Amino acid sequence: MSIAEKYQHQLSSVTTVKTVAELWEKNRTTVIYHIMRDNIAATKDSGVYLVALGSVIDLWGFPPNLPEYEPLDPISLLQKEYKAS
C-alpha cells in the first residue's frame, strides 16, 4: 500500500475555505467567521485554511445540490460514512 493510499481518507476529509463557500453557497467571510468562532474546525498553514469537512456538515448539513455520487468527491465519501453510522 502506498503512502497516498494509506492516508487518502484523511486527505479527502479536508478542503479549503473557497471550496466550502462554493459548495454550501456561503460567502468566504461567513466561513472564516465560523472558523474564528470555533464552529468549523480548521487549521491555517502558509495563509491557507484547511477545513475539516465533517465540522462543516455538522454545522450546515450536506451542501445543497450535491451530486448523487462522485467516487473521488470527498463530500460524497463523508456522506456515505454519516449515513452508515
PDB file of N, CA and C in Angstrom:
ATOM      1  N   MET A   1       0.856  -1.181   0.000  1.00  0.00           N
ATOM      2  CA  MET A   1       0.000   0.000   0.000  1.00  0.00           C
ATOM      3  C   MET A   1       0.900   1.242   0.000  1.00  0.00           C
ATOM      4  N   SER A   2       0.629   2.144  -0.904  1.00  0.00           N
ATOM      5  CA  SER A   2       1.419   3.374  -0.986  1.00  0.00           C
ATOM      6  C   SER A   2       1.011   4.338   0.129  1.00  0.00           C
ATOM      7  N   ILE A   3       1.871   5.308   0.391  1.00  0.00           N
ATOM      8  CA  ILE A   3       1.568   6.312   1.415  1.00  0.00           C
ATOM      9  C   ILE A   3       0.325   7.109   1.048  1.00  0.00           C
ATOM     10  N   ALA A   4       0.135   7.389  -0.250  1.00  0.00           N
ATOM     11  CA  ALA A   4      -1.061   8.119  -0.701  1.00  0.00           C
ATOM     12  C   ALA A   4      -2.324   7.311  -0.428  1.00  0.00           C
ATOM     13  N   GLU A   5      -2.269   6.008  -0.677  1.00  0.00           N
ATOM     14  CA  GLU A   5      -3.436   5.157  -0.416  1.00  0.00           C
ATOM     15  C   GLU A   5      -3.716   5.057   1.082  1.00  0.00           C
ATOM     16  N   LYS A   6      -2.660   4.979   1.866  1.00  0.00           N
ATOM     17  CA  LYS A   6      -2.805   4.841   3.311  1.00  0.00           C
ATOM     18  C   LYS A   6      -3.519   6.040   3.932  1.00  0.00           C
ATOM     19  N   TYR A   7      -3.237   7.234   3.439  1.00  0.00           N
ATOM     20  CA  TYR A   7      -3.790   8.446   4.032  1.00  0.00           C
ATOM     21  C   TYR A   7      -4.845   9.123   3.171  1.00  0.00           C
ATOM     22  N   GLN A   8      -5.331   8.455   2.145  1.00  0.00           N
ATOM     23  CA  GLN A   8      -6.314   9.051   1.242  1.00  0.00           C
ATOM     24  C   GLN A   8      -7.551   9.539   1.983  1.00  0.00           C
ATOM     25  N   HIS A   9      -8.064   8.758   2.913  1.00  0.00           N
ATOM     26  CA  HIS A   9      -9.279   9.160   3.630  1.00  0.00           C
ATOM     27  C   HIS A   9      -9.056  10.449   4.417  1.00  0.00           C
ATOM     28  N   GLN A  10      -7.934  10.536   5.108  1.00  0.00           N
ATOM     29  CA  GLN A  10      -7.657  11.740   5.883  1.00  0.00           C
ATOM     30  C   GLN A  10      -7.494  12.952   4.985  1.00  0.00           C
ATOM     31  N   LEU A  11      -6.839  12.770   3.850  1.00  0.00           N
ATOM     32  CA  LEU A  11      -6.655  13.892   2.931  1.00  0.00           C
ATOM     33  C   LEU A  11      -7.966  14.305   2.280  1.00  0.00           C
ATOM     34  N   SER A  12      -8.856  13.369   2.064  1.00  0.00           N
ATOM     35  CA  SER A  12     -10.128  13.707   1.423  1.00  0.00           C
ATOM     36  C   SER A  12     -11.124  14.304   2.415  1.00  0.00           C
ATOM     37  N   SER A  13     -10.750  14.359   3.685  1.00  0.00           N
ATOM     38  CA  SER A  13     -11.639  14.902   4.707  1.00  0.00           C
ATOM     39  C   SER A  13     -11.414  16.381   4.970  1.00  0.00           C
ATOM     40  N   VAL A  14     -10.509  17.012   4.216  1.00  0.00           N
ATOM     41  CA  VAL A  14     -10.253  18.437   4.366  1.00  0.00           C
ATOM     42  C   VAL A  14     -10.389  19.136   3.018  1.00  0.00           C
ATOM     43  N   THR A  15     -10.685  20.412   3.084  1.00  0.00           N
ATOM     44  CA  THR A  15     -10.783  21.217   1.875  1.00  0.00           C
ATOM     45  C   THR A  15     -10.463  22.661   2.235  1.00  0.00           C
ATOM     46  N   THR A  16     -10.611  23.561   1.283  1.00  0.00           N
ATOM     47  CA  THR A  16     -10.305  24.973   1.513  1.00  0.00           C
ATOM     48  C   THR A  16     -11.568  25.767   1.817  1.00  0.00           C
ATOM     49  N   VAL A  17     -11.377  26.971   2.336  1.00  0.00           N
ATOM     50  CA  VAL A  17     -12.494  27.881   2.606  1.00  0.00           C
ATOM     51  C   VAL A  17     -13.249  28.168   1.308  1.00  0.00           C
ATOM     52  N   LYS A  18     -12.519  28.359   0.221  1.00  0.00           N
ATOM     53  CA  LYS A  18     -13.154  28.652  -1.071  1.00  0.00           C
ATOM     54  C   LYS A  18     -14.098  27.528  -1.482  1.00  0.00           C
ATOM     55  N   THR A  19     -13.650  26.297  -1.341  1.00  0.00           N
ATOM     56  CA  THR A  19     -14.495  25.160  -1.722  1.00  0.00           C
ATOM     57  C   THR A  19     -15.717  25.051  -0.823  1.00  0.00           C
ATOM     58  N   VAL A  20     -15.529  25.249   0.474  1.00  0.00           N
ATOM     59  CA  VAL A  20     -16.670  25.223   1.405  1.00  0.00           C
ATOM     60  C   VAL A  20     -17.678  26.297   1.004  1.00  0.00           C
ATOM     61  N   ALA A  21     -17.196  27.509   0.751  1.00  0.00           N
ATOM     62  CA  ALA A  21     -18.088  28.608   0.370  1.00  0.00           C
ATOM     63  C   ALA A  21     -18.866  28.274  -0.902  1.00  0.00           C
ATOM     64  N   GLU A  22     -18.204  27.682  -1.866  1.00  0.00           N
ATOM     65  CA  GLU A  22     -18.878  27.336  -3.126  1.00  0.00           C
ATOM     66  C   GLU A  22     -19.896  26.214  -2.928  1.00  0.00           C
ATOM     67  N   LEU A  23     -19.504  25.165  -2.222  1.00  0.00           N
ATOM     68  CA  LEU A  23     -20.404  24.016  -2.044  1.00  0.00           C
ATOM     69  C   LEU A  23     -21.639  24.363  -1.215  1.00  0.00           C
ATOM     70  N   TRP A  24     -21.456  25.146  -0.184  1.00  0.00           N
ATOM     71  CA  TRP A  24     -22.577  25.482   0.702  1.00  0.00           C
ATOM     72  C   TRP A  24     -23.234  26.809   0.350  1.00  0.00           C
ATOM     73  N   GLU A  25     -22.786  27.406  -0.747  1.00  0.00           N
ATOM     74  CA  GLU A  25     -23.358  28.672  -1.232  1.00  0.00           C
ATOM     75  C   GLU A  25     -23.309  29.743  -0.148  1.00  0.00           C
ATOM     76  N   LYS A  26     -22.138  29.865   0.477  1.00  0.00           N
ATOM     77  CA  LYS A  26     -21.892  30.866   1.519  1.00  0.00           C
ATOM     78  C   LYS A  26     -20.811  31.824   1.029  1.00  0.00           C
ATOM     79  N   ASN A  27     -20.691  32.941   1.702  1.00  0.00           N
ATOM     80  CA  ASN A  27     -19.628  33.891   1.439  1.00  0.00           C
ATOM     81  C   ASN A  27     -18.371  33.409   2.166  1.00  0.00           C
ATOM     82  N   ARG A  28     -17.190  33.629   1.592  1.00  0.00           N
ATOM     83  CA  ARG A  28     -15.950  33.227   2.243  1.00  0.00           C
ATOM     84  C   ARG A  28     -15.828  33.848   3.641  1.00  0.00           C
ATOM     85  N   THR A  29     -16.289  35.070   3.784  1.00  0.00           N
ATOM     86  CA  THR A  29     -16.234  35.746   5.083  1.00  0.00           C
ATOM     87  C   THR A  29     -17.068  35.000   6.121  1.00  0.00           C
ATOM     88  N   THR A  30     -18.205  34.474   5.708  1.00  0.00           N
ATOM     89  CA  THR A  30     -19.065  33.703   6.608  1.00  0.00           C
ATOM     90  C   THR A  30     -18.351  32.447   7.082  1.00  0.00           C
ATOM     91  N   VAL A  31     -17.673  31.773   6.172  1.00  0.00           N
ATOM     92  CA  VAL A  31     -16.938  30.554   6.536  1.00  0.00           C
ATOM     93  C   VAL A  31     -15.831  30.899   7.531  1.00  0.00           C
ATOM     94  N   ILE A  32     -15.070  31.938   7.251  1.00  0.00           N
ATOM     95  CA  ILE A  32     -13.983  32.340   8.150  1.00  0.00           C
ATOM     96  C   ILE A  32     -14.534  32.781   9.504  1.00  0.00           C
ATOM     97  N   TYR A  33     -15.662  33.477   9.508  1.00  0.00           N
ATOM     98  CA  TYR A  33     -16.315  33.879  10.758  1.00  0.00           C
ATOM     99  C   TYR A  33     -16.569  32.649  11.637  1.00  0.00           C
ATOM    100  N   HIS A  34     -17.107  31.591  11.038  1.00  0.00           N
ATOM    101  CA  HIS A  34     -17.423  30.383  11.809  1.00  0.00           C
ATOM    102  C   HIS A  34     -16.155  29.636  12.229  1.00  0.00           C
ATOM    103  N   ILE A  35     -15.086  29.749  11.444  1.00  0.00           N
ATOM    104  CA  ILE A  35     -13.803  29.175  11.864  1.00  0.00           C
ATOM    105  C   ILE A  35     -13.304  29.916  13.110  1.00  0.00           C
ATOM    106  N   MET A  36     -13.362  31.229  13.082  1.00  0.00           N
ATOM    107  CA  MET A  36     -12.890  32.038  14.205  1.00  0.00           C
ATOM    108  C   MET A  36     -13.719  31.817  15.469  1.00  0.00           C
ATOM    109  N   ARG A  37     -14.977  31.467  15.316  1.00  0.00           N
ATOM    110  CA  ARG A  37     -15.872  31.209  16.458  1.00  0.00           C
ATOM    111  C   ARG A  37     -15.836  29.746  16.894  1.00  0.00           C
ATOM    112  N   ASP A  38     -14.934  28.965  16.294  1.00  0.00           N
ATOM    113  CA  ASP A  38     -14.792  27.526  16.588  1.00  0.00           C
ATOM    114  C   ASP A  38     -16.047  26.720  16.267  1.00  0.00           C
ATOM    115  N   ASN A  39     -16.826  27.188  15.317  1.00  0.00           N
ATOM    116  CA  ASN A  39     -17.975  26.411  14.837  1.00  0.00           C
ATOM    117  C   ASN A  39     -17.557  25.453  13.727  1.00  0.00           C
ATOM    118  N   ILE A  40     -16.441  25.762  13.068  1.00  0.00           N
ATOM    119  CA  ILE A  40     -15.881  24.935  12.000  1.00  0.00           C
ATOM    120  C   ILE A  40     -14.428  24.663  12.366  1.00  0.00           C
ATOM    121  N   ALA A  41     -14.040  23.386  12.308  1.00  0.00           N
ATOM    122  CA  ALA A  41     -12.660  23.010  12.615  1.00  0.00           C
ATOM    123  C   ALA A  41     -11.774  23.281  11.400  1.00  0.00           C
ATOM    124  N   ALA A  42     -10.679  23.991  11.643  1.00  0.00           N
ATOM    125  CA  ALA A  42      -9.750  24.303  10.558  1.00  0.00           C
ATOM    126  C   ALA A  42      -8.379  24.610  11.133  1.00  0.00           C
ATOM    127  N   THR A  43      -7.390  24.474  10.298  1.00  0.00           N
ATOM    128  CA  THR A  43      -6.038  24.868  10.647  1.00  0.00           C
ATOM    129  C   THR A  43      -5.500  25.732   9.513  1.00  0.00           C
ATOM    130  N   LYS A  44      -4.631  26.647   9.854  1.00  0.00           N
ATOM    131  CA  LYS A  44      -4.105  27.557   8.848  1.00  0.00           C
ATOM    132  C   LYS A  44      -2.622  27.269   8.647  1.00  0.00           C
ATOM    133  N   ASP A  45      -2.239  27.075   7.386  1.00  0.00           N
ATOM    134  CA  ASP A  45      -0.855  26.812   7.048  1.00  0.00           C
ATOM    135  C   ASP A  45      -0.488  27.630   5.823  1.00  0.00           C
ATOM    136  N   SER A  46       0.540  28.414   5.928  1.00  0.00           N
ATOM    137  CA  SER A  46       1.003  29.274   4.827  1.00  0.00           C
ATOM    138  C   SER A  46      -0.117  30.142   4.278  1.00  0.00           C
ATOM    139  N   GLY A  47      -0.966  30.633   5.166  1.00  0.00           N
ATOM    140  CA  GLY A  47      -2.035  31.534   4.760  1.00  0.00           C
ATOM    141  C   GLY A  47      -3.271  30.854   4.198  1.00  0.00           C
ATOM    142  N   VAL A  48      -3.302  29.532   4.201  1.00  0.00           N
ATOM    143  CA  VAL A  48      -4.446  28.790   3.652  1.00  0.00           C
ATOM    144  C   VAL A  48      -5.080  27.971   4.775  1.00  0.00           C
ATOM    145  N   TYR A  49      -6.394  28.122   4.953  1.00  0.00           N
ATOM    146  CA  TYR A  49      -7.125  27.297   5.908  1.00  0.00           C
ATOM    147  C   TYR A  49      -7.400  25.933   5.294  1.00  0.00           C
ATOM    148  N   LEU A  50      -7.155  24.886   6.063  1.00  0.00           N
ATOM    149  CA  LEU A  50      -7.595  23.546   5.713  1.00  0.00           C
ATOM    150  C   LEU A  50      -8.762  23.240   6.632  1.00  0.00           C
ATOM    151  N   VAL A  51      -9.931  23.057   6.042  1.00  0.00           N
ATOM    152  CA  VAL A  51     -11.181  22.935   6.776  1.00  0.00           C
ATOM    153  C   VAL A  51     -11.590  21.472   6.860  1.00  0.00           C
ATOM    154  N   ALA A  52     -11.969  21.031   8.059  1.00  0.00           N
ATOM    155  CA  ALA A  52     -12.471  19.670   8.260  1.00  0.00           C
ATOM    156  C   ALA A  52     -13.913  19.603   7.764  1.00  0.00           C
ATOM    157  N   LEU A  53     -14.137  18.813   6.729  1.00  0.00           N
ATOM    158  CA  LEU A  53     -15.470  18.740   6.125  1.00  0.00           C
ATOM    159  C   LEU A  53     -16.539  18.263   7.098  1.00  0.00           C
ATOM    160  N   GLY A  54     -16.189  17.348   7.978  1.00  0.00           N
ATOM    161  CA  GLY A  54     -17.168  16.847   8.947  1.00  0.00           C
ATOM    162  C   GLY A  54     -17.734  17.950   9.824  1.00  0.00           C
ATOM    163  N   SER A  55     -16.896  18.917  10.199  1.00  0.00           N
ATOM    164  CA  SER A  55     -17.384  20.007  11.053  1.00  0.00           C
ATOM    165  C   SER A  55     -18.322  20.932  10.286  1.00  0.00           C
ATOM    166  N   VAL A  56     -18.093  21.082   8.997  1.00  0.00           N
ATOM    167  CA  VAL A  56     -18.988  21.911   8.168  1.00  0.00           C
ATOM    168  C   VAL A  56     -20.335  21.204   8.014  1.00  0.00           C
ATOM    169  N   ILE A  57     -20.303  19.907   7.803  1.00  0.00           N
ATOM    170  CA  ILE A  57     -21.543  19.134   7.685  1.00  0.00           C
ATOM    171  C   ILE A  57     -22.320  19.182   8.993  1.00  0.00           C
ATOM    172  N   ASP A  58     -21.608  19.102  10.121  1.00  0.00           N
ATOM    173  CA  ASP A  58     -22.282  19.197  11.423  1.00  0.00           C
ATOM    174  C   ASP A  58     -22.967  20.549  11.602  1.00  0.00           C
ATOM    175  N   LEU A  59     -22.355  21.613  11.090  1.00  0.00           N
ATOM    176  CA  LEU A  59     -22.910  22.956  11.252  1.00  0.00           C
ATOM    177  C   LEU A  59     -24.052  23.234  10.278  1.00  0.00           C
ATOM    178  N   TRP A  60     -23.845  22.955   8.998  1.00  0.00           N
ATOM    179  CA  TRP A  60     -24.804  23.351   7.962  1.00  0.00           C
ATOM    180  C   TRP A  60     -25.487  22.193   7.241  1.00  0.00           C
ATOM    181  N   GLY A  61     -25.190  20.959   7.625  1.00  0.00           N
ATOM    182  CA  GLY A  61     -25.744  19.821   6.903  1.00  0.00           C
ATOM    183  C   GLY A  61     -24.998  19.623   5.597  1.00  0.00           C
ATOM    184  N   PHE A  62     -25.529  18.739   4.773  1.00  0.00           N
ATOM    185  CA  PHE A  62     -24.878  18.485   3.490  1.00  0.00           C
ATOM    186  C   PHE A  62     -25.141  19.643   2.534  1.00  0.00           C
ATOM    187  N   PRO A  63     -24.202  19.914   1.635  1.00  0.00           N
ATOM    188  CA  PRO A  63     -24.374  21.049   0.730  1.00  0.00           C
ATOM    189  C   PRO A  63     -25.573  20.860  -0.188  1.00  0.00           C
ATOM    190  N   PRO A  64     -26.233  21.970  -0.549  1.00  0.00           N
ATOM    191  CA  PRO A  64     -27.346  21.880  -1.493  1.00  0.00           C
ATOM    192  C   PRO A  64     -26.842  21.461  -2.866  1.00  0.00           C
ATOM    193  N   ASN A  65     -27.684  20.828  -3.622  1.00  0.00           N
ATOM    194  CA  ASN A  65     -27.370  20.405  -4.994  1.00  0.00           C
ATOM    195  C   ASN A  65     -26.162  19.487  -5.067  1.00  0.00           C
ATOM    196  N   LEU A  66     -25.991  18.649  -4.043  1.00  0.00           N
ATOM    197  CA  LEU A  66     -24.892  17.693  -4.038  1.00  0.00           C
ATOM    198  C   LEU A  66     -25.194  16.589  -5.041  1.00  0.00           C
ATOM    199  N   PRO A  67     -24.250  16.293  -5.928  1.00  0.00           N
ATOM    200  CA  PRO A  67     -24.487  15.188  -6.868  1.00  0.00           C
ATOM    201  C   PRO A  67     -24.709  13.885  -6.109  1.00  0.00           C
ATOM    202  N   GLU A  68     -25.481  12.994  -6.691  1.00  0.00           N
ATOM    203  CA  GLU A  68     -25.800  11.717  -6.043  1.00  0.00           C
ATOM    204  C   GLU A  68     -24.538  10.960  -5.651  1.00  0.00           C
ATOM    205  N   TYR A  69     -23.581  10.837  -6.578  1.00  0.00           N
ATOM    206  CA  TYR A  69     -22.376  10.081  -6.278  1.00  0.00           C
ATOM    207  C   TYR A  69     -21.249  10.502  -7.200  1.00  0.00           C
ATOM    208  N   GLU A  70     -20.147  10.868  -6.602  1.00  0.00           N
ATOM    209  CA  GLU A  70     -18.925  11.128  -7.346  1.00  0.00           C
ATOM    210  C   GLU A  70     -17.825  10.393  -6.590  1.00  0.00           C
ATOM    211  N   PRO A  71     -17.270   9.327  -7.167  1.00  0.00           N
ATOM    212  CA  PRO A  71     -16.363   8.446  -6.432  1.00  0.00           C
ATOM    213  C   PRO A  71     -15.189   9.141  -5.748  1.00  0.00           C
ATOM    214  N   LEU A  72     -14.635  10.185  -6.326  1.00  0.00           N
ATOM    215  CA  LEU A  72     -13.473  10.825  -5.731  1.00  0.00           C
ATOM    216  C   LEU A  72     -13.827  12.113  -5.001  1.00  0.00           C
ATOM    217  N   ASP A  73     -15.105  12.407  -4.889  1.00  0.00           N
ATOM    218  CA  ASP A  73     -15.548  13.623  -4.225  1.00  0.00           C
ATOM    219  C   ASP A  73     -15.544  13.406  -2.714  1.00  0.00           C
ATOM    220  N   PRO A  74     -14.769  14.197  -1.956  1.00  0.00           N
ATOM    221  CA  PRO A  74     -14.698  13.980  -0.511  1.00  0.00           C
ATOM    222  C   PRO A  74     -16.025  14.158   0.207  1.00  0.00           C
ATOM    223  N   ILE A  75     -16.882  15.036  -0.273  1.00  0.00           N
ATOM    224  CA  ILE A  75     -18.191  15.223   0.358  1.00  0.00           C
ATOM    225  C   ILE A  75     -19.014  13.941   0.238  1.00  0.00           C
ATOM    226  N   SER A  76     -18.996  13.309  -0.928  1.00  0.00           N
ATOM    227  CA  SER A  76     -19.736  12.062  -1.123  1.00  0.00           C
ATOM    228  C   SER A  76     -19.217  10.968  -0.211  1.00  0.00           C
ATOM    229  N   LEU A  77     -17.901  10.915  -0.043  1.00  0.00           N
ATOM    230  CA  LEU A  77     -17.329   9.914   0.849  1.00  0.00           C
ATOM    231  C   LEU A  77     -17.792  10.131   2.282  1.00  0.00           C
ATOM    232  N   LEU A  78     -17.790  11.368   2.735  1.00  0.00           N
ATOM    233  CA  LEU A  78     -18.258  11.673   4.089  1.00  0.00           C
ATOM    234  C   LEU A  78     -19.744  11.395   4.245  1.00  0.00           C
ATOM    235  N   GLN A  79     -20.505  11.697   3.194  1.00  0.00           N
ATOM    236  CA  GLN A  79     -21.939  11.473   3.246  1.00  0.00           C
ATOM    237  C   GLN A  79     -22.227   9.990   3.469  1.00  0.00           C
ATOM    238  N   LYS A  80     -21.508   9.130   2.789  1.00  0.00           N
ATOM    239  CA  LYS A  80     -21.690   7.689   2.962  1.00  0.00           C
ATOM    240  C   LYS A  80     -21.364   7.280   4.391  1.00  0.00           C
ATOM    241  N   GLU A  81     -20.305   7.828   4.967  1.00  0.00           N
ATOM    242  CA  GLU A  81     -19.927   7.495   6.335  1.00  0.00           C
ATOM    243  C   GLU A  81     -20.987   7.937   7.336  1.00  0.00           C
ATOM    244  N   TYR A  82     -21.523   9.139   7.154  1.00  0.00           N
ATOM    245  CA  TYR A  82     -22.540   9.645   8.085  1.00  0.00           C
ATOM    246  C   TYR A  82     -23.816   8.814   8.002  1.00  0.00           C
ATOM    247  N   LYS A  83     -24.189   8.396   6.808  1.00  0.00           N
ATOM    248  CA  LYS A  83     -25.400   7.578   6.650  1.00  0.00           C
ATOM    249  C   LYS A  83     -25.192   6.198   7.269  1.00  0.00           C
ATOM    250  N   ALA A  84     -23.962   5.681   7.216  1.00  0.00           N
ATOM    251  CA  ALA A  84     -23.685   4.347   7.745  1.00  0.00           C
ATOM    252  C   ALA A  84     -23.657   4.334   9.264  1.00  0.00           C
ATOM    253  N   SER A  85     -23.376   5.475   9.874  1.00  0.00           N
ATOM    254  CA  SER A  85     -23.255   5.478  11.344  1.00  0.00           C
ATOM    255  C   SER A  85     -24.581   5.744  12.029  1.00  0.00           C
TER     256      SER A  85
END
